[in-house]
Amino acid sequence: GRIGPGWDVLGQRTSDEDYGAVLKRLKKRPLDYFKHSFYADTAAFTAEPATHAGMAFYDFDKIVFASDCPFDPEGGTMYIRETIRILDGLGLDKAKRAQLDHGNLEKLVGKTFPA
């Protein structure tokens, strides 16, 4: 991808401040912080390729279920239904699916939700 090399030269192509000193203090590439430190969700406006790309990029334990509800033509039901359909097509085992549906969020917020 292009985002990693772009972040590797952070601030070097702008006319204001050069962030080169910041980059030198980082222990990892900016892309690695983004990939391993941030949480992502499954809300992709039912774009199946985007869901697959996100699942391939982010650490699985940092992905949480989301659906963009209620912002769809049906007032919420379409994005929920289609996101679930896309996730069903991933072929995850029961434990992984539970982790995606609620386990990762529970870990993030420190609370258990009823199944």
C-alpha atoms as a PDB file:
ATOM      1  CA  GLY A   1       0.000   0.000   0.000  1.00  0.00           C
ATOM      2  CA  ARG A   2       0.881   3.621  -0.323  1.00  0.00           C
ATOM      3  CA  ILE A   3      -0.084   4.857   3.120  1.00  0.00           C
ATOM      4  CA  GLY A   4       2.942   3.350   4.881  1.00  0.00           C
ATOM      5  CA  PRO A   5       5.572   5.024   2.683  1.00  0.00           C
ATOM      6  CA  GLY A   6       3.543   8.241   2.832  1.00  0.00           C
ATOM      7  CA  TRP A   7       3.670   8.295   6.613  1.00  0.00           C
ATOM      8  CA  ASP A   8       7.371   7.432   6.558  1.00  0.00           C
ATOM      9  CA  VAL A   9       8.041  10.932   5.174  1.00  0.00           C
ATOM     10  CA  LEU A  10       5.582  12.662   7.524  1.00  0.00           C
ATOM     11  CA  GLY A  11       5.975  16.429   7.334  1.00  0.00           C
ATOM     12  CA  GLN A  12       8.745  16.428   4.748  1.00  0.00           C
ATOM     13  CA  ARG A  13       6.494  17.468   1.880  1.00  0.00           C
ATOM     14  CA  THR A  14       4.614  20.303   3.549  1.00  0.00           C
ATOM     15  CA  SER A  15       5.577  23.938   3.686  1.00  0.00           C
ATOM     16  CA  ASP A  16       4.963  24.410   7.406  1.00  0.00           C
ATOM     17  CA  GLU A  17       6.636  22.183  10.008  1.00  0.00           C
ATOM     18  CA  ASP A  18       8.996  19.281   9.310  1.00  0.00           C
ATOM     19  CA  TYR A  19       8.088  16.344  11.548  1.00  0.00           C
ATOM     20  CA  GLY A  20      11.295  14.477  10.770  1.00  0.00           C
ATOM     21  CA  ALA A  21      12.449  14.780  14.391  1.00  0.00           C
ATOM     22  CA  VAL A  22       9.190  13.201  15.561  1.00  0.00           C
ATOM     23  CA  LEU A  23       9.670  10.298  13.161  1.00  0.00           C
ATOM     24  CA  LYS A  24      13.176   9.692  14.494  1.00  0.00           C
ATOM     25  CA  ARG A  25      11.817   9.370  18.058  1.00  0.00           C
ATOM     26  CA  LEU A  26       9.239   6.758  17.110  1.00  0.00           C
ATOM     27  CA  LYS A  27      10.132   3.165  17.901  1.00  0.00           C
ATOM     28  CA  LYS A  28       8.068   1.876  14.955  1.00  0.00           C
ATOM     29  CA  ARG A  29       6.849   3.125  11.603  1.00  0.00           C
ATOM     30  CA  PRO A  30       3.704   5.294  11.816  1.00  0.00           C
ATOM     31  CA  LEU A  31       1.829   2.612   9.876  1.00  0.00           C
ATOM     32  CA  ASP A  32       2.605   0.043  12.575  1.00  0.00           C
ATOM     33  CA  TYR A  33       1.114   2.263  15.277  1.00  0.00           C
ATOM     34  CA  PHE A  34      -2.003   2.669  13.157  1.00  0.00           C
ATOM     35  CA  LYS A  35      -2.295  -1.032  12.384  1.00  0.00           C
ATOM     36  CA  HIS A  36      -1.646  -2.413  15.863  1.00  0.00           C
ATOM     37  CA  SER A  37      -2.797   0.342  18.250  1.00  0.00           C
ATOM     38  CA  PHE A  38      -6.102   1.505  16.796  1.00  0.00           C
ATOM     39  CA  TYR A  39      -9.452  -0.239  16.871  1.00  0.00           C
ATOM     40  CA  ALA A  40     -11.425  -0.679  13.667  1.00  0.00           C
ATOM     41  CA  ASP A  41     -15.011  -1.687  13.084  1.00  0.00           C
ATOM     42  CA  THR A  42     -16.935  -3.632  10.487  1.00  0.00           C
ATOM     43  CA  ALA A  43     -19.024  -0.639   9.404  1.00  0.00           C
ATOM     44  CA  ALA A  44     -18.213  -0.191   5.733  1.00  0.00           C
ATOM     45  CA  PHE A  45     -21.621   0.737   4.301  1.00  0.00           C
ATOM     46  CA  THR A  46     -21.909  -2.919   3.196  1.00  0.00           C
ATOM     47  CA  ALA A  47     -18.819  -2.687   0.991  1.00  0.00           C
ATOM     48  CA  GLU A  48     -17.645  -6.286   1.046  1.00  0.00           C
ATOM     49  CA  PRO A  49     -14.157  -5.601  -0.410  1.00  0.00           C
ATOM     50  CA  ALA A  50     -13.585  -2.918   2.251  1.00  0.00           C
ATOM     51  CA  THR A  51     -14.586  -5.376   4.969  1.00  0.00           C
ATOM     52  CA  HIS A  52     -12.145  -7.964   3.631  1.00  0.00           C
ATOM     53  CA  ALA A  53      -9.373  -5.359   3.388  1.00  0.00           C
ATOM     54  CA  GLY A  54      -9.965  -4.204   6.956  1.00  0.00           C
ATOM     55  CA  MET A  55      -9.992  -7.768   8.245  1.00  0.00           C
ATOM     56  CA  ALA A  56      -6.692  -8.432   6.465  1.00  0.00           C
ATOM     57  CA  PHE A  57      -5.049  -5.226   7.709  1.00  0.00           C
ATOM     58  CA  TYR A  58      -6.006  -4.843  11.370  1.00  0.00           C
ATOM     59  CA  ASP A  59      -5.185  -7.201  14.227  1.00  0.00           C
ATOM     60  CA  PHE A  60      -8.278  -9.391  14.680  1.00  0.00           C
ATOM     61  CA  ASP A  61      -8.518  -8.583  18.385  1.00  0.00           C
ATOM     62  CA  LYS A  62      -8.818  -4.885  17.487  1.00  0.00           C
ATOM     63  CA  ILE A  63     -11.873  -5.236  15.213  1.00  0.00           C
ATOM     64  CA  VAL A  64     -15.371  -4.708  16.614  1.00  0.00           C
ATOM     65  CA  PHE A  65     -18.798  -5.208  15.070  1.00  0.00           C
ATOM     66  CA  ALA A  66     -20.548  -2.079  13.793  1.00  0.00           C
ATOM     67  CA  SER A  67     -23.082  -1.428  11.060  1.00  0.00           C
ATOM     68  CA  ASP A  68     -23.491   2.336  10.388  1.00  0.00           C
ATOM     69  CA  CYS A  69     -27.073   2.049  11.683  1.00  0.00           C
ATOM     70  CA  PRO A  70     -29.334   4.025  11.228  1.00  0.00           C
ATOM     71  CA  PHE A  71     -27.722   5.681   8.211  1.00  0.00           C
ATOM     72  CA  ASP A  72     -29.068   3.555   5.379  1.00  0.00           C
ATOM     73  CA  PRO A  73     -31.975   3.745   2.941  1.00  0.00           C
ATOM     74  CA  GLU A  74     -34.077   1.467   5.172  1.00  0.00           C
ATOM     75  CA  GLY A  75     -33.458   3.440   8.359  1.00  0.00           C
ATOM     76  CA  GLY A  76     -30.946   1.004   9.818  1.00  0.00           C
ATOM     77  CA  THR A  77     -32.035  -2.525   8.993  1.00  0.00           C
ATOM     78  CA  MET A  78     -30.225  -2.853   5.658  1.00  0.00           C
ATOM     79  CA  TYR A  79     -26.718  -2.068   6.923  1.00  0.00           C
ATOM     80  CA  ILE A  80     -27.160  -4.360   9.922  1.00  0.00           C
ATOM     81  CA  ARG A  81     -28.483  -7.201   7.758  1.00  0.00           C
ATOM     82  CA  GLU A  82     -25.851  -6.795   5.034  1.00  0.00           C
ATOM     83  CA  THR A  83     -22.959  -6.420   7.477  1.00  0.00           C
ATOM     84  CA  ILE A  84     -24.039  -9.660   9.161  1.00  0.00           C
ATOM     85  CA  ARG A  85     -24.291 -11.331   5.730  1.00  0.00           C
ATOM     86  CA  ILE A  86     -20.756 -10.231   4.859  1.00  0.00           C
ATOM     87  CA  LEU A  87     -19.414 -11.440   8.201  1.00  0.00           C
ATOM     88  CA  ASP A  88     -21.237 -14.761   7.781  1.00  0.00           C
ATOM     89  CA  GLY A  89     -19.351 -15.199   4.510  1.00  0.00           C
ATOM     90  CA  LEU A  90     -15.955 -14.927   6.194  1.00  0.00           C
ATOM     91  CA  GLY A  91     -16.129 -18.528   7.407  1.00  0.00           C
ATOM     92  CA  LEU A  92     -15.082 -17.713  10.967  1.00  0.00           C
ATOM     93  CA  ASP A  93     -15.451 -20.439  13.572  1.00  0.00           C
ATOM     94  CA  LYS A  94     -17.910 -19.838  16.433  1.00  0.00           C
ATOM     95  CA  ALA A  95     -15.288 -18.562  18.865  1.00  0.00           C
ATOM     96  CA  LYS A  96     -13.829 -16.071  16.368  1.00  0.00           C
ATOM     97  CA  ARG A  97     -17.283 -14.858  15.380  1.00  0.00           C
ATOM     98  CA  ALA A  98     -18.228 -14.297  19.041  1.00  0.00           C
ATOM     99  CA  GLN A  99     -14.967 -12.418  19.502  1.00  0.00           C
ATOM    100  CA  LEU A 100     -15.819 -10.179  16.556  1.00  0.00           C
ATOM    101  CA  ASP A 101     -19.495  -9.728  17.448  1.00  0.00           C
ATOM    102  CA  HIS A 102     -18.974  -8.778  21.095  1.00  0.00           C
ATOM    103  CA  GLY A 103     -15.785 -10.165  22.670  1.00  0.00           C
ATOM    104  CA  ASN A 104     -13.380  -7.541  21.366  1.00  0.00           C
ATOM    105  CA  LEU A 105     -15.719  -4.737  22.435  1.00  0.00           C
ATOM    106  CA  GLU A 106     -16.127  -6.277  25.880  1.00  0.00           C
ATOM    107  CA  LYS A 107     -12.356  -6.405  26.249  1.00  0.00           C
ATOM    108  CA  LEU A 108     -12.042  -2.798  25.075  1.00  0.00           C
ATOM    109  CA  VAL A 109     -14.655  -1.363  27.464  1.00  0.00           C
ATOM    110  CA  GLY A 110     -14.164  -3.817  30.338  1.00  0.00           C
ATOM    111  CA  LYS A 111     -17.801  -4.876  30.399  1.00  0.00           C
ATOM    112  CA  THR A 112     -19.651  -8.075  29.484  1.00  0.00           C
ATOM    113  CA  PHE A 113     -22.761  -7.858  27.324  1.00  0.00           C
ATOM    114  CA  PRO A 114     -25.535 -10.476  27.282  1.00  0.00           C
ATOM    115  CA  ALA A 115     -25.414 -12.721  24.222  1.00  0.00           C
END
